[in-house]
Amino acid sequence: MSAVAALGALTGVTAPTPVSTALSPGVSAGGGADFANVLGQGLQSLQDTQAHADQLGVQAATGDLTDVHDYMIASTQAQLATDLTVTLRNKALESFNEIMRMQA
């Protein structure tokens, strides 16, 4: 009995299943497709946050919003999300440029 099987018998944990190392067409070994999905979801979340803040801003301007605090909170969230996205983009570009300098 292997150590993993013995431990599994005590804790209910099963042995890990082997992961296929074959890559789908268009997928890099570094998980580029996963990175693209995460990036796309993050940008969609940023856009949704900004759209919500814009919607509350229109409601505040027309007098339909009863609690102005909701708009201020949504506006601040959108600003922070935008700042984070810009910072991550800048760091990614700096890293890319540094890698290119190392190869030259």
N, C-alpha and C. Protein backbone atom coordinates (compact mmCIF):
# COMPACT_ATOMS: atom_id res chain seq x y z
N MET A 1 0.85 -1.18 0.00
CA MET A 1 0.00 0.00 0.00
C MET A 1 0.89 1.24 0.00
N SER A 2 0.61 2.16 -0.92
CA SER A 2 1.44 3.36 -1.01
C SER A 2 1.11 4.31 0.12
N ALA A 3 2.00 5.28 0.32
CA ALA A 3 1.80 6.25 1.38
C ALA A 3 0.55 7.09 1.15
N VAL A 4 0.29 7.45 -0.12
CA VAL A 4 -0.90 8.24 -0.44
C VAL A 4 -2.16 7.44 -0.17
N ALA A 5 -2.15 6.16 -0.54
CA ALA A 5 -3.31 5.31 -0.30
C ALA A 5 -3.54 5.11 1.19
N ALA A 6 -2.46 4.95 1.95
CA ALA A 6 -2.59 4.77 3.39
C ALA A 6 -3.14 6.04 4.04
N LEU A 7 -2.65 7.19 3.60
CA LEU A 7 -3.14 8.45 4.13
C LEU A 7 -4.59 8.66 3.73
N GLY A 8 -4.94 8.26 2.51
CA GLY A 8 -6.31 8.39 2.03
C GLY A 8 -7.27 7.55 2.84
N ALA A 9 -6.83 6.39 3.26
CA ALA A 9 -7.68 5.53 4.07
C ALA A 9 -8.00 6.18 5.41
N LEU A 10 -7.08 6.97 5.93
CA LEU A 10 -7.30 7.64 7.21
C LEU A 10 -8.12 8.92 7.07
N THR A 11 -7.88 9.68 6.01
CA THR A 11 -8.49 11.00 5.89
C THR A 11 -9.58 11.08 4.85
N GLY A 12 -9.74 10.08 4.02
CA GLY A 12 -10.73 10.13 2.96
C GLY A 12 -10.22 10.81 1.70
N VAL A 13 -8.93 11.12 1.65
CA VAL A 13 -8.32 11.75 0.49
C VAL A 13 -7.91 10.68 -0.50
N THR A 14 -8.21 10.89 -1.76
CA THR A 14 -7.83 9.92 -2.77
C THR A 14 -6.55 10.36 -3.46
N ALA A 15 -5.93 9.44 -4.15
CA ALA A 15 -4.69 9.74 -4.87
C ALA A 15 -5.00 10.69 -6.02
N PRO A 16 -4.07 11.58 -6.32
CA PRO A 16 -4.30 12.52 -7.42
C PRO A 16 -4.34 11.80 -8.75
N THR A 17 -5.16 12.33 -9.66
CA THR A 17 -5.22 11.74 -10.99
C THR A 17 -4.16 12.38 -11.86
N PRO A 18 -3.54 11.61 -12.74
CA PRO A 18 -2.51 12.18 -13.61
C PRO A 18 -3.10 13.23 -14.54
N VAL A 19 -2.34 14.28 -14.79
CA VAL A 19 -2.76 15.36 -15.66
C VAL A 19 -2.13 15.14 -17.02
N SER A 20 -2.93 15.29 -18.06
CA SER A 20 -2.42 15.14 -19.41
C SER A 20 -1.53 16.33 -19.75
N THR A 21 -0.41 16.06 -20.36
CA THR A 21 0.50 17.14 -20.74
C THR A 21 0.32 17.54 -22.19
N ALA A 22 -0.59 16.89 -22.90
CA ALA A 22 -0.85 17.25 -24.29
C ALA A 22 -1.56 18.59 -24.33
N LEU A 23 -1.12 19.47 -25.24
CA LEU A 23 -1.69 20.79 -25.35
C LEU A 23 -2.68 20.85 -26.49
N SER A 24 -3.73 21.60 -26.28
CA SER A 24 -4.69 21.84 -27.36
C SER A 24 -4.06 22.80 -28.35
N PRO A 25 -4.52 22.78 -29.59
CA PRO A 25 -3.97 23.73 -30.57
C PRO A 25 -4.21 25.17 -30.11
N GLY A 26 -3.20 25.99 -30.20
CA GLY A 26 -3.32 27.39 -29.83
C GLY A 26 -3.10 27.68 -28.37
N VAL A 27 -2.78 26.66 -27.58
CA VAL A 27 -2.55 26.86 -26.16
C VAL A 27 -1.07 26.68 -25.89
N SER A 28 -0.46 27.66 -25.25
CA SER A 28 0.96 27.57 -24.96
C SER A 28 1.19 26.78 -23.68
N ALA A 29 2.41 26.36 -23.47
CA ALA A 29 2.74 25.56 -22.29
C ALA A 29 2.58 26.36 -21.02
N GLY A 30 2.63 27.68 -21.09
CA GLY A 30 2.50 28.53 -19.91
C GLY A 30 1.07 28.79 -19.51
N GLY A 31 0.09 28.21 -20.19
CA GLY A 31 -1.30 28.44 -19.83
C GLY A 31 -1.82 29.75 -20.37
N GLY A 32 -1.44 30.10 -21.58
CA GLY A 32 -1.85 31.36 -22.17
C GLY A 32 -3.34 31.51 -22.31
N ALA A 33 -4.05 30.42 -22.58
CA ALA A 33 -5.50 30.49 -22.73
C ALA A 33 -6.14 30.85 -21.39
N ASP A 34 -5.64 30.27 -20.30
CA ASP A 34 -6.17 30.60 -18.98
C ASP A 34 -5.91 32.06 -18.64
N PHE A 35 -4.74 32.54 -18.95
CA PHE A 35 -4.41 33.95 -18.68
C PHE A 35 -5.34 34.86 -19.47
N ALA A 36 -5.59 34.52 -20.72
CA ALA A 36 -6.48 35.33 -21.56
C ALA A 36 -7.89 35.34 -21.00
N ASN A 37 -8.36 34.20 -20.50
CA ASN A 37 -9.70 34.14 -19.90
C ASN A 37 -9.78 34.99 -18.65
N VAL A 38 -8.79 34.90 -17.80
CA VAL A 38 -8.78 35.69 -16.57
C VAL A 38 -8.71 37.18 -16.89
N LEU A 39 -7.87 37.53 -17.86
CA LEU A 39 -7.75 38.92 -18.26
C LEU A 39 -9.08 39.43 -18.82
N GLY A 40 -9.72 38.65 -19.65
CA GLY A 40 -11.02 39.04 -20.22
C GLY A 40 -12.08 39.21 -19.15
N GLN A 41 -12.10 38.30 -18.18
CA GLN A 41 -13.08 38.41 -17.09
C GLN A 41 -12.81 39.64 -16.24
N GLY A 42 -11.55 39.95 -16.00
CA GLY A 42 -11.20 41.12 -15.21
C GLY A 42 -11.60 42.41 -15.90
N LEU A 43 -11.36 42.48 -17.21
CA LEU A 43 -11.74 43.68 -17.95
C LEU A 43 -13.25 43.81 -18.04
N GLN A 44 -13.96 42.68 -18.16
CA GLN A 44 -15.43 42.74 -18.18
C GLN A 44 -15.96 43.21 -16.83
N SER A 45 -15.34 42.75 -15.75
CA SER A 45 -15.73 43.19 -14.42
C SER A 45 -15.49 44.69 -14.24
N LEU A 46 -14.38 45.18 -14.75
CA LEU A 46 -14.08 46.61 -14.70
C LEU A 46 -15.14 47.40 -15.47
N GLN A 47 -15.49 46.93 -16.64
CA GLN A 47 -16.49 47.62 -17.45
C GLN A 47 -17.85 47.62 -16.75
N ASP A 48 -18.22 46.50 -16.13
CA ASP A 48 -19.49 46.42 -15.40
C ASP A 48 -19.51 47.39 -14.22
N THR A 49 -18.39 47.47 -13.51
CA THR A 49 -18.29 48.38 -12.37
C THR A 49 -18.44 49.83 -12.82
N GLN A 50 -17.79 50.19 -13.92
CA GLN A 50 -17.89 51.55 -14.43
C GLN A 50 -19.30 51.84 -14.94
N ALA A 51 -19.94 50.88 -15.58
CA ALA A 51 -21.31 51.07 -16.08
C ALA A 51 -22.28 51.28 -14.92
N HIS A 52 -22.08 50.53 -13.84
CA HIS A 52 -22.94 50.69 -12.65
C HIS A 52 -22.76 52.07 -12.04
N ALA A 53 -21.52 52.52 -11.94
CA ALA A 53 -21.26 53.85 -11.40
C ALA A 53 -21.86 54.93 -12.30
N ASP A 54 -21.77 54.75 -13.61
CA ASP A 54 -22.36 55.71 -14.54
C ASP A 54 -23.88 55.75 -14.39
N GLN A 55 -24.47 54.58 -14.24
CA GLN A 55 -25.93 54.51 -14.08
C GLN A 55 -26.36 55.23 -12.81
N LEU A 56 -25.65 55.00 -11.72
CA LEU A 56 -25.98 55.69 -10.47
C LEU A 56 -25.73 57.19 -10.58
N GLY A 57 -24.72 57.59 -11.36
CA GLY A 57 -24.44 59.00 -11.57
C GLY A 57 -25.58 59.69 -12.30
N VAL A 58 -26.13 59.01 -13.29
CA VAL A 58 -27.28 59.57 -14.02
C VAL A 58 -28.48 59.69 -13.09
N GLN A 59 -28.70 58.66 -12.28
CA GLN A 59 -29.81 58.70 -11.32
C GLN A 59 -29.63 59.83 -10.32
N ALA A 60 -28.39 60.05 -9.87
CA ALA A 60 -28.13 61.13 -8.92
C ALA A 60 -28.37 62.49 -9.58
N ALA A 61 -27.99 62.63 -10.84
CA ALA A 61 -28.15 63.90 -11.54
C ALA A 61 -29.61 64.22 -11.83
N THR A 62 -30.41 63.19 -12.05
CA THR A 62 -31.83 63.42 -12.35
C THR A 62 -32.70 63.46 -11.10
N GLY A 63 -32.12 63.16 -9.95
CA GLY A 63 -32.88 63.19 -8.70
C GLY A 63 -33.59 61.90 -8.38
N ASP A 64 -33.34 60.85 -9.17
CA ASP A 64 -34.00 59.55 -8.93
C ASP A 64 -33.30 58.72 -7.87
N LEU A 65 -32.10 59.09 -7.51
CA LEU A 65 -31.33 58.32 -6.52
C LEU A 65 -31.63 58.87 -5.14
N THR A 66 -32.09 57.99 -4.26
CA THR A 66 -32.46 58.44 -2.91
C THR A 66 -31.26 58.56 -1.99
N ASP A 67 -30.25 57.71 -2.19
CA ASP A 67 -29.08 57.74 -1.31
C ASP A 67 -27.83 58.03 -2.15
N VAL A 68 -27.31 59.24 -2.03
CA VAL A 68 -26.15 59.66 -2.82
C VAL A 68 -24.91 58.87 -2.43
N HIS A 69 -24.91 58.29 -1.25
CA HIS A 69 -23.76 57.49 -0.80
C HIS A 69 -23.52 56.30 -1.73
N ASP A 70 -24.61 55.74 -2.27
CA ASP A 70 -24.47 54.61 -3.19
C ASP A 70 -23.65 55.01 -4.41
N TYR A 71 -23.92 56.21 -4.93
CA TYR A 71 -23.16 56.68 -6.08
C TYR A 71 -21.70 56.91 -5.72
N MET A 72 -21.45 57.50 -4.58
CA MET A 72 -20.07 57.77 -4.17
C MET A 72 -19.29 56.47 -3.98
N ILE A 73 -19.92 55.48 -3.40
CA ILE A 73 -19.26 54.19 -3.21
C ILE A 73 -18.98 53.54 -4.56
N ALA A 74 -19.96 53.52 -5.45
CA ALA A 74 -19.76 52.91 -6.77
C ALA A 74 -18.71 53.66 -7.57
N SER A 75 -18.70 54.98 -7.46
CA SER A 75 -17.71 55.78 -8.17
C SER A 75 -16.30 55.49 -7.67
N THR A 76 -16.16 55.37 -6.36
CA THR A 76 -14.85 55.07 -5.78
C THR A 76 -14.39 53.67 -6.16
N GLN A 77 -15.32 52.71 -6.17
CA GLN A 77 -14.97 51.35 -6.58
C GLN A 77 -14.50 51.33 -8.04
N ALA A 78 -15.19 52.07 -8.90
CA ALA A 78 -14.80 52.12 -10.30
C ALA A 78 -13.43 52.76 -10.46
N GLN A 79 -13.17 53.82 -9.68
CA GLN A 79 -11.87 54.49 -9.76
C GLN A 79 -10.75 53.56 -9.29
N LEU A 80 -10.96 52.87 -8.19
CA LEU A 80 -9.95 51.95 -7.67
C LEU A 80 -9.70 50.78 -8.64
N ALA A 81 -10.77 50.26 -9.24
CA ALA A 81 -10.62 49.17 -10.20
C ALA A 81 -9.84 49.63 -11.43
N THR A 82 -10.11 50.86 -11.87
CA THR A 82 -9.38 51.40 -13.02
C THR A 82 -7.91 51.61 -12.67
N ASP A 83 -7.65 52.16 -11.50
CA ASP A 83 -6.27 52.37 -11.07
C ASP A 83 -5.51 51.05 -10.98
N LEU A 84 -6.16 50.02 -10.44
CA LEU A 84 -5.52 48.71 -10.33
C LEU A 84 -5.22 48.13 -11.71
N THR A 85 -6.17 48.26 -12.63
CA THR A 85 -5.97 47.74 -13.98
C THR A 85 -4.82 48.45 -14.69
N VAL A 86 -4.76 49.76 -14.54
CA VAL A 86 -3.68 50.53 -15.17
C VAL A 86 -2.34 50.15 -14.56
N THR A 87 -2.30 49.98 -13.26
CA THR A 87 -1.05 49.59 -12.59
C THR A 87 -0.59 48.21 -13.05
N LEU A 88 -1.51 47.26 -13.14
CA LEU A 88 -1.15 45.93 -13.61
C LEU A 88 -0.66 45.96 -15.05
N ARG A 89 -1.31 46.77 -15.88
CA ARG A 89 -0.86 46.89 -17.27
C ARG A 89 0.55 47.46 -17.34
N ASN A 90 0.80 48.49 -16.54
CA ASN A 90 2.14 49.10 -16.54
C ASN A 90 3.20 48.11 -16.07
N LYS A 91 2.90 47.35 -15.03
CA LYS A 91 3.86 46.35 -14.54
C LYS A 91 4.10 45.26 -15.57
N ALA A 92 3.04 44.84 -16.26
CA ALA A 92 3.20 43.82 -17.29
C ALA A 92 4.08 44.33 -18.44
N LEU A 93 3.88 45.58 -18.83
CA LEU A 93 4.70 46.15 -19.89
C LEU A 93 6.16 46.31 -19.45
N GLU A 94 6.37 46.72 -18.20
CA GLU A 94 7.73 46.83 -17.68
C GLU A 94 8.41 45.47 -17.67
N SER A 95 7.68 44.44 -17.26
CA SER A 95 8.24 43.09 -17.23
C SER A 95 8.57 42.60 -18.63
N PHE A 96 7.67 42.84 -19.57
CA PHE A 96 7.91 42.45 -20.95
C PHE A 96 9.15 43.14 -21.50
N ASN A 97 9.26 44.44 -21.27
CA ASN A 97 10.42 45.19 -21.76
C ASN A 97 11.71 44.70 -21.12
N GLU A 98 11.68 44.35 -19.84
CA GLU A 98 12.86 43.82 -19.16
C GLU A 98 13.27 42.48 -19.75
N ILE A 99 12.31 41.64 -20.06
CA ILE A 99 12.61 40.34 -20.67
C ILE A 99 13.23 40.55 -22.05
N MET A 100 12.71 41.49 -22.80
CA MET A 100 13.26 41.78 -24.13
C MET A 100 14.69 42.31 -24.03
N ARG A 101 14.99 43.10 -23.01
CA ARG A 101 16.35 43.61 -22.82
C ARG A 101 17.30 42.49 -22.44
N MET A 102 16.83 41.51 -21.68
CA MET A 102 17.68 40.39 -21.30
C MET A 102 18.05 39.53 -22.51
N GLN A 103 17.18 39.43 -23.47
CA GLN A 103 17.41 38.60 -24.63
C GLN A 103 18.31 39.27 -25.64
N ALA A 104 18.42 40.59 -25.59
CA ALA A 104 19.22 41.30 -26.58
C ALA A 104 20.70 41.20 -26.31
